[in-house]
């Protein structure tokens, strides 16, 4: 199994950029698809982006397409989420998670990090 720790969250103004990192420990990182999800207060957890185990395939939610980029460095056991042109509605706790394939459904993911808060002000 893999253990996940997110970092990089913070408070910033709309239009700004932020990069989230998710550091993984464990032997299965390089064989796991890695996803980012987010959850705003009072809302369900929603899919943001996913990258396949090799990094060759990426998928995004429509709401973040062309603004966010997911990537991974298997040598560093880390997955990233570069977030540009941030909007107030991007405010949420962001979680990384591991799965056996690049799913978008949260219930397909077997391991989750603790989350990192991103707050975008107007």
PDB file of N, CA and C in Angstrom:
ATOM      1  N   UNK A   1       0.838  -1.197   0.000  1.00  0.00           N
ATOM      2  CA  UNK A   1       0.000   0.000   0.000  1.00  0.00           C
ATOM      3  C   UNK A   1       0.870   1.243   0.000  1.00  0.00           C
ATOM      4  N   UNK A   2       0.275   2.343  -0.377  1.00  0.00           N
ATOM      5  CA  UNK A   2       0.981   3.608  -0.440  1.00  0.00           C
ATOM      6  C   UNK A   2       0.375   4.563   0.582  1.00  0.00           C
ATOM      7  N   UNK A   3       1.201   5.376   1.185  1.00  0.00           N
ATOM      8  CA  UNK A   3       0.742   6.433   2.071  1.00  0.00           C
ATOM      9  C   UNK A   3       0.978   7.765   1.379  1.00  0.00           C
ATOM     10  N   UNK A   4       0.047   8.717   1.568  1.00  0.00           N
ATOM     11  CA  UNK A   4       0.072   9.964   0.813  1.00  0.00           C
ATOM     12  C   UNK A   4       0.025  11.179   1.734  1.00  0.00           C
ATOM     13  N   UNK A   5       0.850  12.186   1.416  1.00  0.00           N
ATOM     14  CA  UNK A   5       0.859  13.431   2.186  1.00  0.00           C
ATOM     15  C   UNK A   5       0.853  14.603   1.215  1.00  0.00           C
ATOM     16  N   UNK A   6      -0.211  15.403   1.268  1.00  0.00           N
ATOM     17  CA  UNK A   6      -0.313  16.576   0.401  1.00  0.00           C
ATOM     18  C   UNK A   6       0.336  17.791   1.042  1.00  0.00           C
ATOM     19  N   UNK A   7       0.764  18.706   0.195  1.00  0.00           N
ATOM     20  CA  UNK A   7       1.306  19.986   0.663  1.00  0.00           C
ATOM     21  C   UNK A   7       1.126  21.015  -0.439  1.00  0.00           C
ATOM     22  N   UNK A   8       1.332  22.279  -0.071  1.00  0.00           N
ATOM     23  CA  UNK A   8       1.303  23.346  -1.057  1.00  0.00           C
ATOM     24  C   UNK A   8       0.058  24.199  -1.053  1.00  0.00           C
ATOM     25  N   UNK A   9      -0.909  23.855  -0.230  1.00  0.00           N
ATOM     26  CA  UNK A   9      -2.113  24.664  -0.177  1.00  0.00           C
ATOM     27  C   UNK A   9      -1.843  26.030   0.434  1.00  0.00           C
ATOM     28  N   UNK A  10      -2.830  26.919   0.311  1.00  0.00           N
ATOM     29  CA  UNK A  10      -2.668  28.245   0.880  1.00  0.00           C
ATOM     30  C   UNK A  10      -3.797  29.168   0.510  1.00  0.00           C
ATOM     31  N   UNK A  11      -3.606  30.436   0.845  1.00  0.00           N
ATOM     32  CA  UNK A  11      -4.584  31.484   0.569  1.00  0.00           C
ATOM     33  C   UNK A  11      -4.006  32.397  -0.505  1.00  0.00           C
ATOM     34  N   UNK A  12      -4.794  32.649  -1.537  1.00  0.00           N
ATOM     35  CA  UNK A  12      -4.318  33.534  -2.593  1.00  0.00           C
ATOM     36  C   UNK A  12      -5.496  34.200  -3.275  1.00  0.00           C
ATOM     37  N   UNK A  13      -5.187  35.189  -4.082  1.00  0.00           N
ATOM     38  CA  UNK A  13      -6.230  35.932  -4.778  1.00  0.00           C
ATOM     39  C   UNK A  13      -6.593  35.265  -6.103  1.00  0.00           C
ATOM     40  N   UNK A  14      -7.775  35.533  -6.541  1.00  0.00           N
ATOM     41  CA  UNK A  14      -8.235  35.017  -7.826  1.00  0.00           C
ATOM     42  C   UNK A  14      -7.280  35.453  -8.932  1.00  0.00           C
ATOM     43  N   UNK A  15      -7.057  34.521  -9.847  1.00  0.00           N
ATOM     44  CA  UNK A  15      -6.137  34.765 -10.948  1.00  0.00           C
ATOM     45  C   UNK A  15      -4.735  34.262 -10.688  1.00  0.00           C
ATOM     46  N   UNK A  16      -4.466  33.905  -9.450  1.00  0.00           N
ATOM     47  CA  UNK A  16      -3.139  33.440  -9.088  1.00  0.00           C
ATOM     48  C   UNK A  16      -2.916  31.982  -9.410  1.00  0.00           C
ATOM     49  N   UNK A  17      -1.712  31.517  -9.068  1.00  0.00           N
ATOM     50  CA  UNK A  17      -1.320  30.134  -9.339  1.00  0.00           C
ATOM     51  C   UNK A  17      -0.796  29.487  -8.073  1.00  0.00           C
ATOM     52  N   UNK A  18      -0.931  28.171  -8.044  1.00  0.00           N
ATOM     53  CA  UNK A  18      -0.467  27.393  -6.902  1.00  0.00           C
ATOM     54  C   UNK A  18      -0.116  26.001  -7.401  1.00  0.00           C
ATOM     55  N   UNK A  19       0.898  25.409  -6.796  1.00  0.00           N
ATOM     56  CA  UNK A  19       1.218  24.025  -7.130  1.00  0.00           C
ATOM     57  C   UNK A  19       1.095  23.167  -5.888  1.00  0.00           C
ATOM     58  N   UNK A  20       0.264  22.166  -5.977  1.00  0.00           N
ATOM     59  CA  UNK A  20       0.120  21.190  -4.908  1.00  0.00           C
ATOM     60  C   UNK A  20       1.038  20.009  -5.178  1.00  0.00           C
ATOM     61  N   UNK A  21       1.548  19.441  -4.110  1.00  0.00           N
ATOM     62  CA  UNK A  21       2.366  18.237  -4.204  1.00  0.00           C
ATOM     63  C   UNK A  21       1.755  17.144  -3.346  1.00  0.00           C
ATOM     64  N   UNK A  22       1.971  15.928  -3.751  1.00  0.00           N
ATOM     65  CA  UNK A  22       1.523  14.775  -2.979  1.00  0.00           C
ATOM     66  C   UNK A  22       2.687  13.792  -2.946  1.00  0.00           C
ATOM     67  N   UNK A  23       3.287  13.668  -1.775  1.00  0.00           N
ATOM     68  CA  UNK A  23       4.413  12.755  -1.610  1.00  0.00           C
ATOM     69  C   UNK A  23       3.911  11.390  -1.167  1.00  0.00           C
ATOM     70  N   UNK A  24       4.397  10.368  -1.830  1.00  0.00           N
ATOM     71  CA  UNK A  24       3.946   9.016  -1.549  1.00  0.00           C
ATOM     72  C   UNK A  24       5.069   8.174  -0.975  1.00  0.00           C
ATOM     73  N   UNK A  25       4.717   7.316  -0.071  1.00  0.00           N
ATOM     74  CA  UNK A  25       5.652   6.316   0.421  1.00  0.00           C
ATOM     75  C   UNK A  25       5.010   4.953   0.210  1.00  0.00           C
ATOM     76  N   UNK A  26       5.828   3.956   0.056  1.00  0.00           N
ATOM     77  CA  UNK A  26       5.289   2.631  -0.213  1.00  0.00           C
ATOM     78  C   UNK A  26       5.744   2.148  -1.575  1.00  0.00           C
ATOM     79  N   UNK A  27       5.582   0.862  -1.785  1.00  0.00           N
ATOM     80  CA  UNK A  27       6.172   0.231  -2.955  1.00  0.00           C
ATOM     81  C   UNK A  27       5.293   0.262  -4.185  1.00  0.00           C
ATOM     82  N   UNK A  28       4.055   0.699  -4.041  1.00  0.00           N
ATOM     83  CA  UNK A  28       3.134   0.580  -5.169  1.00  0.00           C
ATOM     84  C   UNK A  28       2.877   1.909  -5.891  1.00  0.00           C
ATOM     85  N   UNK A  29       3.600   2.978  -5.529  1.00  0.00           N
ATOM     86  CA  UNK A  29       3.318   4.281  -6.145  1.00  0.00           C
ATOM     87  C   UNK A  29       3.454   4.219  -7.659  1.00  0.00           C
ATOM     88  N   UNK A  30       4.535   3.665  -8.151  1.00  0.00           N
ATOM     89  CA  UNK A  30       4.794   3.706  -9.591  1.00  0.00           C
ATOM     90  C   UNK A  30       3.818   2.841 -10.387  1.00  0.00           C
ATOM     91  N   UNK A  31       3.082   1.977  -9.715  1.00  0.00           N
ATOM     92  CA  UNK A  31       2.081   1.170 -10.413  1.00  0.00           C
ATOM     93  C   UNK A  31       0.664   1.678 -10.178  1.00  0.00           C
ATOM     94  N   UNK A  32       0.538   2.805  -9.490  1.00  0.00           N
ATOM     95  CA  UNK A  32      -0.773   3.359  -9.149  1.00  0.00           C
ATOM     96  C   UNK A  32      -1.108   4.558 -10.021  1.00  0.00           C
ATOM     97  N   UNK A  33      -2.351   4.622 -10.465  1.00  0.00           N
ATOM     98  CA  UNK A  33      -2.871   5.878 -11.004  1.00  0.00           C
ATOM     99  C   UNK A  33      -3.083   6.821  -9.824  1.00  0.00           C
ATOM    100  N   UNK A  34      -2.830   8.093 -10.057  1.00  0.00           N
ATOM    101  CA  UNK A  34      -2.945   9.070  -8.973  1.00  0.00           C
ATOM    102  C   UNK A  34      -3.937  10.156  -9.363  1.00  0.00           C
ATOM    103  N   UNK A  35      -4.855  10.411  -8.473  1.00  0.00           N
ATOM    104  CA  UNK A  35      -5.881  11.409  -8.745  1.00  0.00           C
ATOM    105  C   UNK A  35      -5.871  12.532  -7.731  1.00  0.00           C
ATOM    106  N   UNK A  36      -6.408  13.659  -8.144  1.00  0.00           N
ATOM    107  CA  UNK A  36      -6.678  14.779  -7.248  1.00  0.00           C
ATOM    108  C   UNK A  36      -8.191  14.978  -7.203  1.00  0.00           C
ATOM    109  N   UNK A  37      -8.674  15.166  -6.008  1.00  0.00           N
ATOM    110  CA  UNK A  37     -10.079  15.459  -5.769  1.00  0.00           C
ATOM    111  C   UNK A  37     -10.157  16.700  -4.892  1.00  0.00           C
ATOM    112  N   UNK A  38     -11.345  17.280  -4.800  1.00  0.00           N
ATOM    113  CA  UNK A  38     -11.517  18.415  -3.903  1.00  0.00           C
ATOM    114  C   UNK A  38     -12.918  18.368  -3.290  1.00  0.00           C
ATOM    115  N   UNK A  39     -12.991  18.991  -2.130  1.00  0.00           N
ATOM    116  CA  UNK A  39     -14.278  19.039  -1.438  1.00  0.00           C
ATOM    117  C   UNK A  39     -14.442  20.411  -0.807  1.00  0.00           C
ATOM    118  N   UNK A  40     -15.482  21.106  -1.239  1.00  0.00           N
ATOM    119  CA  UNK A  40     -15.820  22.410  -0.675  1.00  0.00           C
ATOM    120  C   UNK A  40     -16.826  22.209   0.447  1.00  0.00           C
ATOM    121  N   UNK A  41     -16.925  23.152   1.371  1.00  0.00           N
ATOM    122  CA  UNK A  41     -17.869  23.012   2.486  1.00  0.00           C
ATOM    123  C   UNK A  41     -19.291  22.785   1.994  1.00  0.00           C
ATOM    124  N   UNK A  42     -19.934  21.771   2.536  1.00  0.00           N
ATOM    125  CA  UNK A  42     -21.315  21.477   2.183  1.00  0.00           C
ATOM    126  C   UNK A  42     -21.500  20.788   0.853  1.00  0.00           C
ATOM    127  N   UNK A  43     -20.401  20.441   0.197  1.00  0.00           N
ATOM    128  CA  UNK A  43     -20.496  19.779  -1.113  1.00  0.00           C
ATOM    129  C   UNK A  43     -19.836  18.414  -1.072  1.00  0.00           C
ATOM    130  N   UNK A  44     -20.182  17.600  -2.041  1.00  0.00           N
ATOM    131  CA  UNK A  44     -19.572  16.281  -2.151  1.00  0.00           C
ATOM    132  C   UNK A  44     -18.156  16.399  -2.721  1.00  0.00           C
ATOM    133  N   UNK A  45     -17.368  15.380  -2.420  1.00  0.00           N
ATOM    134  CA  UNK A  45     -16.030  15.330  -2.983  1.00  0.00           C
ATOM    135  C   UNK A  45     -16.134  15.157  -4.488  1.00  0.00           C
ATOM    136  N   UNK A  46     -15.358  15.935  -5.239  1.00  0.00           N
ATOM    137  CA  UNK A  46     -15.449  15.870  -6.685  1.00  0.00           C
ATOM    138  C   UNK A  46     -14.089  15.633  -7.334  1.00  0.00           C
ATOM    139  N   UNK A  47     -14.142  14.962  -8.444  1.00  0.00           N
ATOM    140  CA  UNK A  47     -12.955  14.660  -9.234  1.00  0.00           C
ATOM    141  C   UNK A  47     -12.376  15.935  -9.829  1.00  0.00           C
ATOM    142  N   UNK A  48     -11.042  16.029  -9.802  1.00  0.00           N
ATOM    143  CA  UNK A  48     -10.341  17.161 -10.414  1.00  0.00           C
ATOM    144  C   UNK A  48      -9.500  16.690 -11.601  1.00  0.00           C
ATOM    145  N   UNK A  49      -8.614  15.723 -11.337  1.00  0.00           N
ATOM    146  CA  UNK A  49      -7.707  15.260 -12.386  1.00  0.00           C
ATOM    147  C   UNK A  49      -7.123  13.921 -11.981  1.00  0.00           C
ATOM    148  N   UNK A  50      -6.648  13.172 -12.970  1.00  0.00           N
ATOM    149  CA  UNK A  50      -5.987  11.894 -12.707  1.00  0.00           C
ATOM    150  C   UNK A  50      -4.889  11.692 -13.734  1.00  0.00           C
ATOM    151  N   UNK A  51      -3.835  11.016 -13.307  1.00  0.00           N
ATOM    152  CA  UNK A  51      -2.733  10.662 -14.191  1.00  0.00           C
ATOM    153  C   UNK A  51      -2.487   9.168 -14.064  1.00  0.00           C
ATOM    154  N   UNK A  52      -2.226   8.530 -15.177  1.00  0.00           N
ATOM    155  CA  UNK A  52      -1.975   7.087 -15.170  1.00  0.00           C
ATOM    156  C   UNK A  52      -0.635   6.784 -14.499  1.00  0.00           C
ATOM    157  N   UNK A  53      -0.375   5.524 -14.265  1.00  0.00           N
ATOM    158  CA  UNK A  53       0.826   5.124 -13.523  1.00  0.00           C
ATOM    159  C   UNK A  53       2.112   5.572 -14.206  1.00  0.00           C
ATOM    160  N   UNK A  54       2.125   5.567 -15.526  1.00  0.00           N
ATOM    161  CA  UNK A  54       3.331   5.971 -16.254  1.00  0.00           C
ATOM    162  C   UNK A  54       3.368   7.460 -16.557  1.00  0.00           C
ATOM    163  N   UNK A  55       2.256   8.142 -16.322  1.00  0.00           N
ATOM    164  CA  UNK A  55       2.166   9.559 -16.661  1.00  0.00           C
ATOM    165  C   UNK A  55       1.720   9.808 -18.087  1.00  0.00           C
ATOM    166  N   UNK A  56       1.468   8.754 -18.822  1.00  0.00           N
ATOM    167  CA  UNK A  56       1.149   8.911 -20.233  1.00  0.00           C
ATOM    168  C   UNK A  56      -0.268   9.368 -20.529  1.00  0.00           C
ATOM    169  N   UNK A  57      -1.158   9.159 -19.585  1.00  0.00           N
ATOM    170  CA  UNK A  57      -2.552   9.574 -19.780  1.00  0.00           C
ATOM    171  C   UNK A  57      -2.993  10.466 -18.634  1.00  0.00           C
ATOM    172  N   UNK A  58      -3.669  11.541 -18.980  1.00  0.00           N
ATOM    173  CA  UNK A  58      -4.238  12.443 -17.982  1.00  0.00           C
ATOM    174  C   UNK A  58      -5.674  12.773 -18.363  1.00  0.00           C
ATOM    175  N   UNK A  59      -6.498  12.967 -17.345  1.00  0.00           N
ATOM    176  CA  UNK A  59      -7.892  13.326 -17.551  1.00  0.00           C
ATOM    177  C   UNK A  59      -8.251  14.422 -16.545  1.00  0.00           C
ATOM    178  N   UNK A  60      -9.138  15.310 -16.976  1.00  0.00           N
ATOM    179  CA  UNK A  60      -9.490  16.444 -16.145  1.00  0.00           C
ATOM    180  C   UNK A  60     -11.003  16.634 -16.085  1.00  0.00           C
ATOM    181  N   UNK A  61     -11.445  17.196 -14.982  1.00  0.00           N
ATOM    182  CA  UNK A  61     -12.821  17.674 -14.911  1.00  0.00           C
ATOM    183  C   UNK A  61     -12.955  18.877 -15.832  1.00  0.00           C
ATOM    184  N   UNK A  62     -14.121  19.037 -16.411  1.00  0.00           N
ATOM    185  CA  UNK A  62     -14.340  20.157 -17.326  1.00  0.00           C
ATOM    186  C   UNK A  62     -14.083  21.504 -16.647  1.00  0.00           C
ATOM    187  N   UNK A  63     -14.382  21.569 -15.353  1.00  0.00           N
ATOM    188  CA  UNK A  63     -14.268  22.832 -14.630  1.00  0.00           C
ATOM    189  C   UNK A  63     -12.828  23.311 -14.474  1.00  0.00           C
ATOM    190  N   UNK A  64     -11.867  22.405 -14.648  1.00  0.00           N
ATOM    191  CA  UNK A  64     -10.464  22.797 -14.454  1.00  0.00           C
ATOM    192  C   UNK A  64      -9.633  22.616 -15.717  1.00  0.00           C
ATOM    193  N   UNK A  65     -10.221  22.052 -16.742  1.00  0.00           N
ATOM    194  CA  UNK A  65      -9.478  21.814 -17.986  1.00  0.00           C
ATOM    195  C   UNK A  65      -8.916  23.121 -18.509  1.00  0.00           C
ATOM    196  N   UNK A  66      -7.707  23.080 -18.981  1.00  0.00           N
ATOM    197  CA  UNK A  66      -6.980  24.223 -19.529  1.00  0.00           C
ATOM    198  C   UNK A  66      -6.478  25.191 -18.463  1.00  0.00           C
ATOM    199  N   UNK A  67      -6.775  24.921 -17.191  1.00  0.00           N
ATOM    200  CA  UNK A  67      -6.241  25.739 -16.102  1.00  0.00           C
ATOM    201  C   UNK A  67      -5.331  24.927 -15.176  1.00  0.00           C
ATOM    202  N   UNK A  68      -5.656  23.666 -14.969  1.00  0.00           N
ATOM    203  CA  UNK A  68      -4.889  22.807 -14.072  1.00  0.00           C
ATOM    204  C   UNK A  68      -4.109  21.781 -14.887  1.00  0.00           C
ATOM    205  N   UNK A  69      -2.957  21.384 -14.364  1.00  0.00           N
ATOM    206  CA  UNK A  69      -2.151  20.343 -14.991  1.00  0.00           C
ATOM    207  C   UNK A  69      -1.679  19.370 -13.925  1.00  0.00           C
ATOM    208  N   UNK A  70      -1.964  18.097 -14.151  1.00  0.00           N
ATOM    209  CA  UNK A  70      -1.491  17.048 -13.256  1.00  0.00           C
ATOM    210  C   UNK A  70      -0.251  16.412 -13.867  1.00  0.00           C
ATOM    211  N   UNK A  71       0.701  16.095 -13.022  1.00  0.00           N
ATOM    212  CA  UNK A  71       1.917  15.429 -13.488  1.00  0.00           C
ATOM    213  C   UNK A  71       2.468  14.583 -12.347  1.00  0.00           C
ATOM    214  N   UNK A  72       3.414  13.731 -12.680  1.00  0.00           N
ATOM    215  CA  UNK A  72       4.012  12.885 -11.660  1.00  0.00           C
ATOM    216  C   UNK A  72       5.477  12.675 -11.955  1.00  0.00           C
ATOM    217  N   UNK A  73       6.225  12.429 -10.892  1.00  0.00           N
ATOM    218  CA  UNK A  73       7.645  12.101 -10.988  1.00  0.00           C
ATOM    219  C   UNK A  73       7.822  10.806 -10.213  1.00  0.00           C
ATOM    220  N   UNK A  74       7.886   9.710 -10.924  1.00  0.00           N
ATOM    221  CA  UNK A  74       7.974   8.409 -10.246  1.00  0.00           C
ATOM    222  C   UNK A  74       9.318   8.214  -9.548  1.00  0.00           C
ATOM    223  N   UNK A  75      10.334   8.919  -9.994  1.00  0.00           N
ATOM    224  CA  UNK A  75      11.630   8.824  -9.316  1.00  0.00           C
ATOM    225  C   UNK A  75      11.577   9.481  -7.939  1.00  0.00           C
ATOM    226  N   UNK A  76      10.713  10.479  -7.795  1.00  0.00           N
ATOM    227  CA  UNK A  76      10.561  11.182  -6.523  1.00  0.00           C
ATOM    228  C   UNK A  76       9.308  10.747  -5.761  1.00  0.00           C
ATOM    229  N   UNK A  77       8.570   9.792  -6.314  1.00  0.00           N
ATOM    230  CA  UNK A  77       7.330   9.331  -5.669  1.00  0.00           C
ATOM    231  C   UNK A  77       6.399  10.495  -5.354  1.00  0.00           C
ATOM    232  N   UNK A  78       6.230  11.383  -6.304  1.00  0.00           N
ATOM    233  CA  UNK A  78       5.442  12.585  -6.077  1.00  0.00           C
ATOM    234  C   UNK A  78       4.528  12.857  -7.260  1.00  0.00           C
ATOM    235  N   UNK A  79       3.336  13.312  -6.956  1.00  0.00           N
ATOM    236  CA  UNK A  79       2.399  13.762  -7.978  1.00  0.00           C
ATOM    237  C   UNK A  79       2.089  15.231  -7.694  1.00  0.00           C
ATOM    238  N   UNK A  80       1.905  15.982  -8.758  1.00  0.00           N
ATOM    239  CA  UNK A  80       1.714  17.420  -8.647  1.00  0.00           C
ATOM    240  C   UNK A  80       0.388  17.843  -9.271  1.00  0.00           C
ATOM    241  N   UNK A  81      -0.105  18.966  -8.813  1.00  0.00           N
ATOM    242  CA  UNK A  81      -1.246  19.611  -9.460  1.00  0.00           C
ATOM    243  C   UNK A  81      -0.911  21.095  -9.583  1.00  0.00           C
ATOM    244  N   UNK A  82      -0.597  21.504 -10.798  1.00  0.00           N
ATOM    245  CA  UNK A  82      -0.344  22.917 -11.071  1.00  0.00           C
ATOM    246  C   UNK A  82      -1.674  23.582 -11.365  1.00  0.00           C
ATOM    247  N   UNK A  83      -1.993  24.608 -10.594  1.00  0.00           N
ATOM    248  CA  UNK A  83      -3.278  25.277 -10.729  1.00  0.00           C
ATOM    249  C   UNK A  83      -3.042  26.726 -11.125  1.00  0.00           C
ATOM    250  N   UNK A  84      -3.517  27.097 -12.286  1.00  0.00           N
ATOM    251  CA  UNK A  84      -3.374  28.467 -12.801  1.00  0.00           C
ATOM    252  C   UNK A  84      -4.750  29.118 -12.927  1.00  0.00           C
ATOM    253  N   UNK A  85      -4.743  30.424 -13.031  1.00  0.00           N
ATOM    254  CA  UNK A  85      -5.992  31.186 -13.216  1.00  0.00           C
ATOM    255  C   UNK A  85      -7.042  30.765 -12.198  1.00  0.00           C
ATOM    256  N   UNK A  86      -6.645  30.714 -10.955  1.00  0.00           N
ATOM    257  CA  UNK A  86      -7.546  30.222  -9.914  1.00  0.00           C
ATOM    258  C   UNK A  86      -8.751  31.128  -9.736  1.00  0.00           C
ATOM    259  N   UNK A  87      -9.869  30.503  -9.425  1.00  0.00           N
ATOM    260  CA  UNK A  87     -11.138  31.192  -9.234  1.00  0.00           C
ATOM    261  C   UNK A  87     -11.612  30.984  -7.798  1.00  0.00           C
ATOM    262  N   UNK A  88     -12.499  31.852  -7.367  1.00  0.00           N
ATOM    263  CA  UNK A  88     -13.045  31.710  -6.019  1.00  0.00           C
ATOM    264  C   UNK A  88     -13.678  30.330  -5.839  1.00  0.00           C
ATOM    265  N   UNK A  89     -14.327  29.855  -6.890  1.00  0.00           N
ATOM    266  CA  UNK A  89     -15.006  28.555  -6.808  1.00  0.00           C
ATOM    267  C   UNK A  89     -14.052  27.372  -6.756  1.00  0.00           C
ATOM    268  N   UNK A  90     -12.765  27.604  -6.885  1.00  0.00           N
ATOM    269  CA  UNK A  90     -11.781  26.531  -6.701  1.00  0.00           C
ATOM    270  C   UNK A  90     -11.455  26.311  -5.220  1.00  0.00           C
ATOM    271  N   UNK A  91     -11.981  27.147  -4.363  1.00  0.00           N
ATOM    272  CA  UNK A  91     -11.743  27.011  -2.931  1.00  0.00           C
ATOM    273  C   UNK A  91     -12.277  25.677  -2.428  1.00  0.00           C
ATOM    274  N   UNK A  92     -11.407  24.909  -1.793  1.00  0.00           N
ATOM    275  CA  UNK A  92     -11.777  23.569  -1.310  1.00  0.00           C
ATOM    276  C   UNK A  92     -10.587  22.961  -0.588  1.00  0.00           C
ATOM    277  N   UNK A  93     -10.837  21.845   0.056  1.00  0.00           N
ATOM    278  CA  UNK A  93      -9.750  20.978   0.507  1.00  0.00           C
ATOM    279  C   UNK A  93      -9.426  20.038  -0.645  1.00  0.00           C
ATOM    280  N   UNK A  94      -8.156  19.978  -0.990  1.00  0.00           N
ATOM    281  CA  UNK A  94      -7.706  19.150  -2.100  1.00  0.00           C
ATOM    282  C   UNK A  94      -7.037  17.889  -1.562  1.00  0.00           C
ATOM    283  N   UNK A  95      -7.446  16.754  -2.124  1.00  0.00           N
ATOM    284  CA  UNK A  95      -6.932  15.465  -1.701  1.00  0.00           C
ATOM    285  C   UNK A  95      -6.269  14.759  -2.876  1.00  0.00           C
ATOM    286  N   UNK A  96      -5.176  14.085  -2.611  1.00  0.00           N
ATOM    287  CA  UNK A  96      -4.668  13.157  -3.611  1.00  0.00           C
ATOM    288  C   UNK A  96      -5.046  11.746  -3.180  1.00  0.00           C
ATOM    289  N   UNK A  97      -5.119  10.874  -4.155  1.00  0.00           N
ATOM    290  CA  UNK A  97      -5.561   9.515  -3.893  1.00  0.00           C
ATOM    291  C   UNK A  97      -4.962   8.568  -4.920  1.00  0.00           C
ATOM    292  N   UNK A  98      -4.874   7.302  -4.542  1.00  0.00           N
ATOM    293  CA  UNK A  98      -4.281   6.274  -5.398  1.00  0.00           C
ATOM    294  C   UNK A  98      -5.319   5.239  -5.791  1.00  0.00           C
ATOM    295  N   UNK A  99      -5.211   4.793  -7.031  1.00  0.00           N
ATOM    296  CA  UNK A  99      -6.113   3.765  -7.549  1.00  0.00           C
ATOM    297  C   UNK A  99      -5.339   2.852  -8.492  1.00  0.00           C
ATOM    298  N   UNK A 100      -5.953   1.745  -8.892  1.00  0.00           N
ATOM    299  CA  UNK A 100      -5.273   0.794  -9.775  1.00  0.00           C
ATOM    300  C   UNK A 100      -5.424   1.162 -11.241  1.00  0.00           C
ATOM    301  N   UNK A 101      -6.268   2.156 -11.532  1.00  0.00           N
ATOM    302  CA  UNK A 101      -6.446   2.635 -12.904  1.00  0.00           C
ATOM    303  C   UNK A 101      -6.926   4.082 -12.818  1.00  0.00           C
ATOM    304  N   UNK A 102      -6.822   4.838 -13.906  1.00  0.00           N
ATOM    305  CA  UNK A 102      -7.187   6.267 -13.855  1.00  0.00           C
ATOM    306  C   UNK A 102      -8.686   6.526 -13.866  1.00  0.00           C
ATOM    307  N   UNK A 103      -9.331   6.227 -12.745  1.00  0.00           N
ATOM    308  CA  UNK A 103     -10.756   6.441 -12.596  1.00  0.00           C
ATOM    309  C   UNK A 103     -11.061   7.888 -12.229  1.00  0.00           C
ATOM    310  N   UNK A 104     -12.307   8.265 -12.419  1.00  0.00           N
ATOM    311  CA  UNK A 104     -12.767   9.565 -11.927  1.00  0.00           C
ATOM    312  C   UNK A 104     -13.681   9.419 -10.711  1.00  0.00           C
ATOM    313  N   UNK A 105     -14.120   8.210 -10.418  1.00  0.00           N
ATOM    314  CA  UNK A 105     -15.038   8.007  -9.296  1.00  0.00           C
ATOM    315  C   UNK A 105     -14.257   7.853  -7.995  1.00  0.00           C
ATOM    316  N   UNK A 106     -14.588   8.642  -6.981  1.00  0.00           N
ATOM    317  CA  UNK A 106     -13.851   8.552  -5.705  1.00  0.00           C
ATOM    318  C   UNK A 106     -13.873   7.164  -5.070  1.00  0.00           C
ATOM    319  N   UNK A 107     -14.959   6.415  -5.252  1.00  0.00           N
ATOM    320  CA  UNK A 107     -15.032   5.113  -4.582  1.00  0.00           C
ATOM    321  C   UNK A 107     -14.120   4.062  -5.207  1.00  0.00           C
ATOM    322  N   UNK A 108     -13.480   4.412  -6.309  1.00  0.00           N
ATOM    323  CA  UNK A 108     -12.511   3.496  -6.922  1.00  0.00           C
ATOM    324  C   UNK A 108     -11.105   3.647  -6.335  1.00  0.00           C
ATOM    325  N   UNK A 109     -10.927   4.638  -5.480  1.00  0.00           N
ATOM    326  CA  UNK A 109      -9.605   4.929  -4.934  1.00  0.00           C
ATOM    327  C   UNK A 109      -9.443   4.271  -3.576  1.00  0.00           C
ATOM    328  N   UNK A 110      -8.290   3.612  -3.367  1.00  0.00           N
ATOM    329  CA  UNK A 110      -8.117   2.820  -2.161  1.00  0.00           C
ATOM    330  C   UNK A 110      -7.307   3.523  -1.085  1.00  0.00           C
ATOM    331  N   UNK A 111      -6.592   4.575  -1.435  1.00  0.00           N
ATOM    332  CA  UNK A 111      -5.756   5.268  -0.457  1.00  0.00           C
ATOM    333  C   UNK A 111      -5.902   6.774  -0.671  1.00  0.00           C
ATOM    334  N   UNK A 112      -6.025   7.494   0.442  1.00  0.00           N
ATOM    335  CA  UNK A 112      -6.237   8.944   0.395  1.00  0.00           C
ATOM    336  C   UNK A 112      -5.249   9.649   1.319  1.00  0.00           C
ATOM    337  N   UNK A 113      -4.864  10.862   0.916  1.00  0.00           N
ATOM    338  CA  UNK A 113      -4.109  11.727   1.806  1.00  0.00           C
ATOM    339  C   UNK A 113      -5.047  12.473   2.743  1.00  0.00           C
ATOM    340  N   UNK A 114      -4.458  13.306   3.585  1.00  0.00           N
ATOM    341  CA  UNK A 114      -5.235  14.010   4.596  1.00  0.00           C
ATOM    342  C   UNK A 114      -5.842  15.311   4.076  1.00  0.00           C
ATOM    343  N   UNK A 115      -5.376  15.770   2.923  1.00  0.00           N
ATOM    344  CA  UNK A 115      -5.922  16.970   2.309  1.00  0.00           C
ATOM    345  C   UNK A 115      -5.127  18.219   2.630  1.00  0.00           C
ATOM    346  N   UNK A 116      -5.227  19.192   1.733  1.00  0.00           N
ATOM    347  CA  UNK A 116      -4.602  20.492   1.935  1.00  0.00           C
ATOM    348  C   UNK A 116      -5.587  21.568   1.480  1.00  0.00           C
ATOM    349  N   UNK A 117      -5.704  22.614   2.278  1.00  0.00           N
ATOM    350  CA  UNK A 117      -6.702  23.646   2.022  1.00  0.00           C
ATOM    351  C   UNK A 117      -6.200  24.643   0.986  1.00  0.00           C
ATOM    352  N   UNK A 118      -7.048  24.921   0.012  1.00  0.00           N
ATOM    353  CA  UNK A 118      -6.793  25.994  -0.956  1.00  0.00           C
ATOM    354  C   UNK A 118      -7.944  26.989  -0.844  1.00  0.00           C
ATOM    355  N   UNK A 119      -7.607  28.235  -0.579  1.00  0.00           N
ATOM    356  CA  UNK A 119      -8.614  29.272  -0.459  1.00  0.00           C
ATOM    357  C   UNK A 119      -8.289  30.392  -1.434  1.00  0.00           C
ATOM    358  N   UNK A 120      -9.234  30.683  -2.302  1.00  0.00           N
ATOM    359  CA  UNK A 120      -9.058  31.718  -3.314  1.00  0.00           C
ATOM    360  C   UNK A 120     -10.014  32.865  -2.994  1.00  0.00           C
ATOM    361  N   UNK A 121      -9.468  34.046  -2.806  1.00  0.00           N
ATOM    362  CA  UNK A 121     -10.284  35.211  -2.470  1.00  0.00           C
ATOM    363  C   UNK A 121     -10.469  36.092  -3.695  1.00  0.00           C
ATOM    364  N   UNK A 122     -11.542  36.852  -3.680  1.00  0.00           N
ATOM    365  CA  UNK A 122     -11.854  37.729  -4.828  1.00  0.00           C
ATOM    366  C   UNK A 122     -11.148  39.069  -4.711  1.00  0.00           C
TER     367      UNK A 122
END
